Structure formats: structure tokens, C-alpha cells
C-alpha atoms as a PDB file:
ATOM      1  CA  MET A   1     113.138 150.056 153.797  1.00  0.00           C
ATOM      2  CA  LYS A   2     110.835 148.322 151.139  1.00  0.00           C
ATOM      3  CA  GLN A   3     108.735 146.840 154.388  1.00  0.00           C
ATOM      4  CA  LYS A   4     108.079 150.305 155.875  1.00  0.00           C
ATOM      5  CA  LEU A   5     107.086 151.742 151.796  1.00  0.00           C
ATOM      6  CA  LEU A   6     105.117 148.681 151.574  1.00  0.00           C
ATOM      7  CA  PRO A   7     101.620 149.921 153.498  1.00  0.00           C
ATOM      8  CA  TYR A   8     101.821 153.305 151.551  1.00  0.00           C
ATOM      9  CA  ILE A   9     102.294 151.317 148.639  1.00  0.00           C
ATOM     10  CA  LYS A  10      98.862 150.102 149.101  1.00  0.00           C
ATOM     11  CA  LYS A  11      96.694 152.696 150.381  1.00  0.00           C
ATOM     12  CA  ILE A  12      98.594 154.905 147.242  1.00  0.00           C
ATOM     13  CA  GLY A  13      97.322 151.900 145.235  1.00  0.00           C
ATOM     14  CA  ILE A  14      93.724 151.711 147.280  1.00  0.00           C
ATOM     15  CA  ALA A  15      93.142 155.035 146.579  1.00  0.00           C
ATOM     16  CA  PHE A  16      93.238 154.620 142.940  1.00  0.00           C
ATOM     17  CA  ALA A  17      91.310 152.628 142.598  1.00  0.00           C
ATOM     18  CA  ILE A  18      88.002 154.399 144.673  1.00  0.00           C
ATOM     19  CA  ALA A  19      89.257 157.661 142.132  1.00  0.00           C
ATOM     20  CA  TYR A  20      89.368 155.309 139.417  1.00  0.00           C
ATOM     21  CA  THR A  21      85.841 154.053 140.019  1.00  0.00           C
ATOM     22  CA  LEU A  22      84.133 157.259 141.086  1.00  0.00           C
ATOM     23  CA  PHE A  23      85.092 158.353 137.981  1.00  0.00           C
ATOM     24  CA  ILE A  24      83.723 155.785 135.704  1.00  0.00           C
ATOM     25  CA  ILE A  25      80.705 155.918 137.598  1.00  0.00           C
ATOM     26  CA  ILE A  26      79.768 159.995 137.241  1.00  0.00           C
ATOM     27  CA  SER A  27      81.391 160.311 133.740  1.00  0.00           C
ATOM     28  CA  GLY A  28      78.810 157.070 132.921  1.00  0.00           C
ATOM     29  CA  VAL A  29      75.695 159.191 135.216  1.00  0.00           C
ATOM     30  CA  THR A  30      76.288 162.317 133.107  1.00  0.00           C
ATOM     31  CA  PHE A  31      76.399 160.573 129.812  1.00  0.00           C
ATOM     32  CA  GLN A  32      73.086 158.526 130.941  1.00  0.00           C
ATOM     33  CA  PHE A  33      71.044 161.584 132.411  1.00  0.00           C
ATOM     34  CA  TYR A  34      72.694 165.118 130.986  1.00  0.00           C
ATOM     35  CA  ILE A  35      74.779 164.619 128.014  1.00  0.00           C
ATOM     36  CA  LYS A  36      72.414 161.871 126.009  1.00  0.00           C
ATOM     37  CA  PRO A  37      69.134 163.686 126.595  1.00  0.00           C
ATOM     38  CA  ASN A  38      70.551 166.801 125.483  1.00  0.00           C
ATOM     39  CA  LEU A  39      71.901 165.192 122.185  1.00  0.00           C
ATOM     40  CA  ASN A  40      69.632 167.222 118.948  1.00  0.00           C
ATOM     41  CA  ASN A  41      70.828 170.689 121.664  1.00  0.00           C
ATOM     42  CA  TYR A  42      74.206 169.936 120.701  1.00  0.00           C
ATOM     43  CA  LYS A  43      73.595 169.143 116.866  1.00  0.00           C
ATOM     44  CA  SER A  44      74.017 172.298 115.484  1.00  0.00           C
ATOM     45  CA  LYS A  45      77.464 172.924 117.001  1.00  0.00           C
ATOM     46  CA  ILE A  46      78.715 169.680 115.544  1.00  0.00           C
ATOM     47  CA  GLU A  47      77.585 170.338 112.188  1.00  0.00           C
ATOM     48  CA  VAL A  48      79.511 173.343 112.287  1.00  0.00           C
ATOM     49  CA  LEU A  49      82.189 172.478 113.346  1.00  0.00           C
ATOM     50  CA  VAL A  50      82.608 169.000 111.386  1.00  0.00           C
ATOM     51  CA  SER A  51      81.511 171.432 108.290  1.00  0.00           C
ATOM     52  CA  GLN A  52      84.746 173.676 109.758  1.00  0.00           C
ATOM     53  CA  ALA A  53      87.369 170.438 110.125  1.00  0.00           C
ATOM     54  CA  THR A  54      86.677 168.915 106.500  1.00  0.00           C
ATOM     55  CA  GLY A  55      85.732 172.346 104.238  1.00  0.00           C
ATOM     56  CA  GLN A  56      82.016 170.407 103.305  1.00  0.00           C
ATOM     57  CA  ARG A  57      78.640 171.731 104.051  1.00  0.00           C
ATOM     58  CA  ILE A  58      77.457 169.067 106.043  1.00  0.00           C
ATOM     59  CA  LYS A  59      74.006 168.202 107.628  1.00  0.00           C
ATOM     60  CA  ILE A  60      73.449 165.278 110.347  1.00  0.00           C
ATOM     61  CA  ASN A  61      70.249 163.663 110.477  1.00  0.00           C
ATOM     62  CA  SER A  62      70.092 161.933 113.582  1.00  0.00           C
ATOM     63  CA  LEU A  63      72.089 161.810 116.185  1.00  0.00           C
ATOM     64  CA  GLU A  64      72.404 158.559 118.320  1.00  0.00           C
ATOM     65  CA  ALA A  65      74.330 157.483 121.979  1.00  0.00           C
ATOM     66  CA  ARG A  66      75.523 154.979 123.952  1.00  0.00           C
ATOM     67  CA  TRP A  67      77.844 154.327 126.501  1.00  0.00           C
ATOM     68  CA  ASP A  68      79.874 150.773 125.933  1.00  0.00           C
ATOM     69  CA  PHE A  69      80.996 149.977 129.775  1.00  0.00           C
ATOM     70  CA  LEU A  70      84.134 151.831 128.861  1.00  0.00           C
ATOM     71  CA  ILE A  71      83.745 153.346 125.384  1.00  0.00           C
ATOM     72  CA  GLN A  72      80.923 155.804 125.028  1.00  0.00           C
ATOM     73  CA  LEU A  73      79.714 155.954 121.350  1.00  0.00           C
ATOM     74  CA  LEU A  74      78.663 158.783 119.018  1.00  0.00           C
ATOM     75  CA  LEU A  75      76.654 157.850 115.732  1.00  0.00           C
ATOM     76  CA  LEU A  76      75.951 159.850 113.559  1.00  0.00           C
ATOM     77  CA  SER A  77      73.609 159.344 110.540  1.00  0.00           C
ATOM     78  CA  PHE A  78      73.921 162.031 107.377  1.00  0.00           C
ATOM     79  CA  LEU A  79      71.680 161.106 104.804  1.00  0.00           C
END
């Protein structure tokens, strides 16, 4: 029984690894070429959302984004 399932488990594992790798690649490309260049377009939306969440008026002076391997960073500067 186990010998019959082993090839299927390996195939499922390989398919999962390929899907995960493609997801990471597509996420990185989307972040680098769509989100990062258009970051200032989202500035007002982020200000509104943060203001609503905190109950205070928030003004963002600058936005910066980085992709460090699997971690996306969005840095906000308030002055």
C-alpha cells in the first residue's frame, strides 16, 4: 500500500514546490515592476486608512518599499 502511494506523494510534493516557486517569482516581479513604481499613487489611500484606524490625522511624507528575499517592506516616513 505504501509503495503504491509513494510515487503520488513525490509528484504532489514536486508540484507543490513548483507552484510555490512560481508564486514567489510572480510576487517578486509584480512588486518590483508594478507596486514599487506606483507607490506614490497609493500614498493618499494609505493615509486615509491609517487615519481611520488610529483616529488621528496622518500625513505621510515619503514611502519606500523593498523586497528582502521573502519579506516585503513598506517604510513610511512621517514628519
